[in-house]
Amino acid sequence: MLDDTALDTVFRTARSYNGYTDQPVAESELHAIWDLMKWGPTSANQLPARLVWVTTDAAKQKLAEACSAQNKPKILSAPVSVIIGMDTNFHEHLPELFPHTDAKAWFDGNAELRAASAFRNSTLQGAYFIIAARMLGLDTGPMSGFDAGVVDAAFFHDTPAVRTNFISTLGHGDPASVYDRLPRPAFEKFNTIA
């Protein structure tokens, strides 16, 4: 079992940040996040997430234009933003990623099943991204509040099977940018043991 420091870092004292310090994020840190998060489990090792690491001013401006008024300044001021996309043609990679059976055949000709699986498993991978970033000493600010069609057209126009799931900012969080800790319900409120 991990100690309380690790549990606090990943969950109990971790926060979603609305702003960051001026400390930069190195490209090697982006690779380190991926090299950790890629080990998180997905159904049949689908790994449908496709990440765009938004680091340049031009790319930040393009992404910010697709965001709500509240989220636009967060994108523009964060050292990095990450678009967590989902590849609805993930099944094409299953012969390599899940080689012990013909898992690709499960999804061939079934766009609805692929879309549901891509959404579910890329969301899992997005959560692994958040956890990996926290474990590596970085902070995140996951968000909705954007026009997915605009993001898709701007960043996934060459890969039409990839669609945006959600966006997150990334950096070293500014403690002044977080809200007071919001409540979390007790186990009994939302859980049933059957």
Protein backbone atom coordinates (compact mmCIF):
# COMPACT_ATOMS: atom_id res chain seq x y z
CA MET A 1 0.00 0.00 0.00
CA LEU A 2 1.24 3.48 -0.83
CA ASP A 3 1.82 5.86 2.05
CA ASP A 4 -0.35 8.86 2.87
CA THR A 5 1.99 11.26 1.07
CA ALA A 6 1.48 9.43 -2.22
CA LEU A 7 -2.29 9.14 -1.69
CA ASP A 8 -2.49 12.85 -0.88
CA THR A 9 -0.45 13.76 -3.99
CA VAL A 10 -2.70 11.81 -6.32
CA PHE A 11 -6.10 12.31 -4.67
CA ARG A 12 -6.72 13.85 -1.27
CA THR A 13 -4.84 17.16 -1.50
CA ALA A 14 -4.51 17.29 -5.30
CA ARG A 15 -6.45 20.09 -6.93
CA SER A 16 -7.64 21.22 -10.36
CA TYR A 17 -5.78 24.43 -11.14
CA ASN A 18 -7.10 27.51 -12.93
CA GLY A 19 -3.68 29.16 -13.14
CA TYR A 20 0.00 28.27 -13.08
CA THR A 21 3.35 29.68 -12.05
CA ASP A 22 5.89 30.80 -14.66
CA GLN A 23 7.88 27.59 -14.22
CA PRO A 24 8.08 25.93 -17.64
CA VAL A 25 7.21 22.34 -18.49
CA ALA A 26 9.94 20.53 -20.42
CA GLU A 27 9.18 18.29 -23.39
CA SER A 28 10.86 15.48 -21.47
CA GLU A 29 8.13 15.83 -18.83
CA LEU A 30 5.45 15.33 -21.50
CA HIS A 31 7.19 12.14 -22.58
CA ALA A 32 7.41 11.03 -18.93
CA ILE A 33 3.65 11.52 -18.48
CA TRP A 34 2.92 9.42 -21.56
CA ASP A 35 5.43 6.75 -20.55
CA LEU A 36 3.59 6.36 -17.25
CA MET A 37 -0.05 6.78 -18.32
CA LYS A 38 0.23 4.33 -21.22
CA TRP A 39 0.37 1.45 -18.73
CA GLY A 40 -3.12 2.15 -17.37
CA PRO A 41 -5.63 -0.56 -18.33
CA THR A 42 -8.18 -0.16 -21.11
CA SER A 43 -10.64 -2.71 -22.46
CA ALA A 44 -8.78 -5.20 -24.66
CA ASN A 45 -5.78 -2.84 -24.54
CA GLN A 46 -7.62 -0.53 -26.96
CA LEU A 47 -5.59 2.59 -26.09
CA PRO A 48 -7.81 4.92 -28.19
CA ALA A 49 -6.53 8.20 -26.68
CA ARG A 50 -4.66 10.49 -29.04
CA LEU A 51 -3.00 13.43 -27.29
CA VAL A 52 -2.08 16.80 -28.73
CA TRP A 53 0.34 18.68 -26.47
CA VAL A 54 -0.35 22.37 -27.11
CA THR A 55 2.85 24.26 -26.32
CA THR A 56 3.32 27.08 -28.85
CA ASP A 57 1.64 30.46 -28.68
CA ALA A 58 0.04 29.91 -32.09
CA ALA A 59 -1.43 26.56 -31.09
CA LYS A 60 -2.63 27.96 -27.75
CA GLN A 61 -4.39 30.80 -29.58
CA LYS A 62 -6.06 28.34 -31.96
CA LEU A 63 -7.26 26.19 -29.05
CA ALA A 64 -8.37 29.18 -26.99
CA GLU A 65 -10.60 30.34 -29.86
CA ALA A 66 -12.61 27.12 -29.45
CA CYS A 67 -13.07 27.62 -25.70
CA SER A 68 -15.62 29.42 -23.58
CA ALA A 69 -14.86 32.92 -22.31
CA GLN A 70 -14.04 31.44 -18.89
CA ASN A 71 -11.60 28.86 -20.26
CA LYS A 72 -9.87 30.95 -22.94
CA PRO A 73 -7.49 32.77 -20.53
CA LYS A 74 -6.63 29.47 -18.84
CA ILE A 75 -5.47 28.02 -22.16
CA LEU A 76 -3.51 31.14 -23.11
CA SER A 77 -1.67 31.39 -19.78
CA ALA A 78 -0.93 27.70 -19.08
CA PRO A 79 2.54 26.43 -20.00
CA VAL A 80 0.90 23.49 -21.81
CA SER A 81 -2.61 22.40 -22.68
CA VAL A 82 -3.46 18.87 -23.70
CA ILE A 83 -6.24 17.78 -26.01
CA ILE A 84 -7.31 14.26 -25.10
CA GLY A 85 -8.74 12.88 -28.30
CA MET A 86 -10.32 9.53 -29.08
CA ASP A 87 -9.60 7.48 -32.17
CA THR A 88 -12.76 5.70 -33.34
CA ASN A 89 -10.58 3.56 -35.60
CA PHE A 90 -8.54 2.29 -32.64
CA HIS A 91 -9.47 -1.25 -33.68
CA GLU A 92 -7.03 -1.05 -36.60
CA HIS A 93 -4.21 -1.27 -34.03
CA LEU A 94 -5.60 -4.22 -32.09
CA PRO A 95 -3.65 -6.87 -34.04
CA GLU A 96 -0.51 -5.27 -32.53
CA LEU A 97 -1.91 -4.22 -29.14
CA PHE A 98 -4.09 -7.30 -28.41
CA PRO A 99 -2.44 -10.00 -30.54
CA HIS A 100 -3.65 -13.18 -28.86
CA THR A 101 -7.10 -13.07 -30.49
CA ASP A 102 -8.80 -11.34 -33.42
CA ALA A 103 -10.19 -8.44 -31.39
CA LYS A 104 -10.27 -6.23 -34.48
CA ALA A 105 -13.15 -8.36 -35.81
CA TRP A 106 -15.24 -7.43 -32.77
CA PHE A 107 -15.34 -3.83 -34.01
CA ASP A 108 -15.20 -4.14 -37.80
CA GLY A 109 -18.38 -2.73 -39.33
CA ASN A 110 -19.73 -1.50 -35.98
CA ALA A 111 -19.15 2.26 -35.78
CA GLU A 112 -21.51 2.64 -32.82
CA LEU A 113 -19.57 0.13 -30.72
CA ARG A 114 -16.26 1.71 -31.70
CA ALA A 115 -17.49 5.19 -30.76
CA ALA A 116 -18.72 4.02 -27.35
CA SER A 117 -15.51 2.09 -26.67
CA ALA A 118 -13.30 4.95 -27.84
CA PHE A 119 -15.11 7.41 -25.56
CA ARG A 120 -15.06 5.12 -22.52
CA ASN A 121 -11.44 4.09 -22.81
CA SER A 122 -10.01 7.47 -23.83
CA THR A 123 -11.76 8.91 -20.78
CA LEU A 124 -9.96 6.31 -18.67
CA GLN A 125 -6.71 7.32 -20.32
CA GLY A 126 -7.48 10.98 -19.62
CA ALA A 127 -7.80 10.10 -15.94
CA TYR A 128 -4.48 8.26 -16.13
CA PHE A 129 -2.99 11.43 -17.65
CA ILE A 130 -4.14 13.45 -14.63
CA ILE A 131 -2.79 10.87 -12.16
CA ALA A 132 0.53 10.52 -14.00
CA ALA A 133 1.01 14.29 -14.11
CA ARG A 134 0.35 14.56 -10.38
CA MET A 135 2.73 11.70 -9.60
CA LEU A 136 5.44 13.45 -11.62
CA GLY A 137 5.06 16.75 -9.77
CA LEU A 138 2.81 18.60 -12.23
CA ASP A 139 -0.72 19.94 -11.90
CA THR A 140 -3.70 19.84 -14.25
CA GLY A 141 -6.90 21.72 -14.98
CA PRO A 142 -9.27 19.40 -16.86
CA MET A 143 -12.18 21.16 -18.54
CA SER A 144 -15.22 21.04 -20.71
CA GLY A 145 -16.46 24.38 -22.03
CA PHE A 146 -15.22 24.20 -25.61
CA ASP A 147 -16.59 23.60 -29.09
CA ALA A 148 -15.42 20.09 -29.94
CA GLY A 149 -16.14 20.56 -33.64
CA VAL A 150 -13.84 23.59 -33.78
CA VAL A 151 -11.11 21.75 -31.87
CA ASP A 152 -11.46 18.73 -34.17
CA ALA A 153 -11.24 20.91 -37.29
CA ALA A 154 -8.19 22.74 -35.97
CA PHE A 155 -6.21 19.83 -34.56
CA PHE A 156 -7.56 16.58 -36.02
CA HIS A 157 -8.39 17.64 -39.60
CA ASP A 158 -5.86 15.13 -40.97
CA THR A 159 -7.28 12.30 -38.87
CA PRO A 160 -11.09 12.41 -39.25
CA ALA A 161 -11.58 9.29 -37.10
CA VAL A 162 -10.17 11.19 -34.10
CA ARG A 163 -12.51 13.37 -32.07
CA THR A 164 -11.94 15.52 -29.00
CA ASN A 165 -12.93 14.06 -25.64
CA PHE A 166 -11.75 16.78 -23.25
CA ILE A 167 -9.00 19.33 -22.64
CA SER A 168 -6.67 19.91 -19.71
CA THR A 169 -4.15 22.56 -18.85
CA LEU A 170 -0.81 21.41 -17.41
CA GLY A 171 1.94 23.04 -15.41
CA HIS A 172 3.01 23.94 -11.89
CA GLY A 173 -0.17 25.11 -10.22
CA ASP A 174 -0.52 28.52 -8.62
CA PRO A 175 -2.14 27.91 -5.21
CA ALA A 176 -3.96 31.26 -5.49
CA SER A 177 -5.88 29.91 -8.52
CA VAL A 178 -7.84 27.16 -6.75
CA TYR A 179 -11.20 27.29 -5.04
CA ASP A 180 -11.76 26.13 -1.49
CA ARG A 181 -11.98 22.35 -1.32
CA LEU A 182 -15.41 21.26 -2.53
CA PRO A 183 -17.33 18.54 -0.69
CA ARG A 184 -17.18 14.83 -1.46
CA PRO A 185 -20.00 12.51 -0.39
CA ALA A 186 -19.69 9.69 2.12
CA PHE A 187 -19.60 6.13 0.79
CA GLU A 188 -23.22 5.49 1.73
CA LYS A 189 -24.60 8.31 -0.40
CA PHE A 190 -23.73 6.89 -3.85
CA ASN A 191 -22.74 3.27 -3.22
CA THR A 192 -24.68 0.07 -2.79
CA ILE A 193 -23.22 -3.26 -1.75
CA ALA A 194 -25.38 -5.94 -3.32
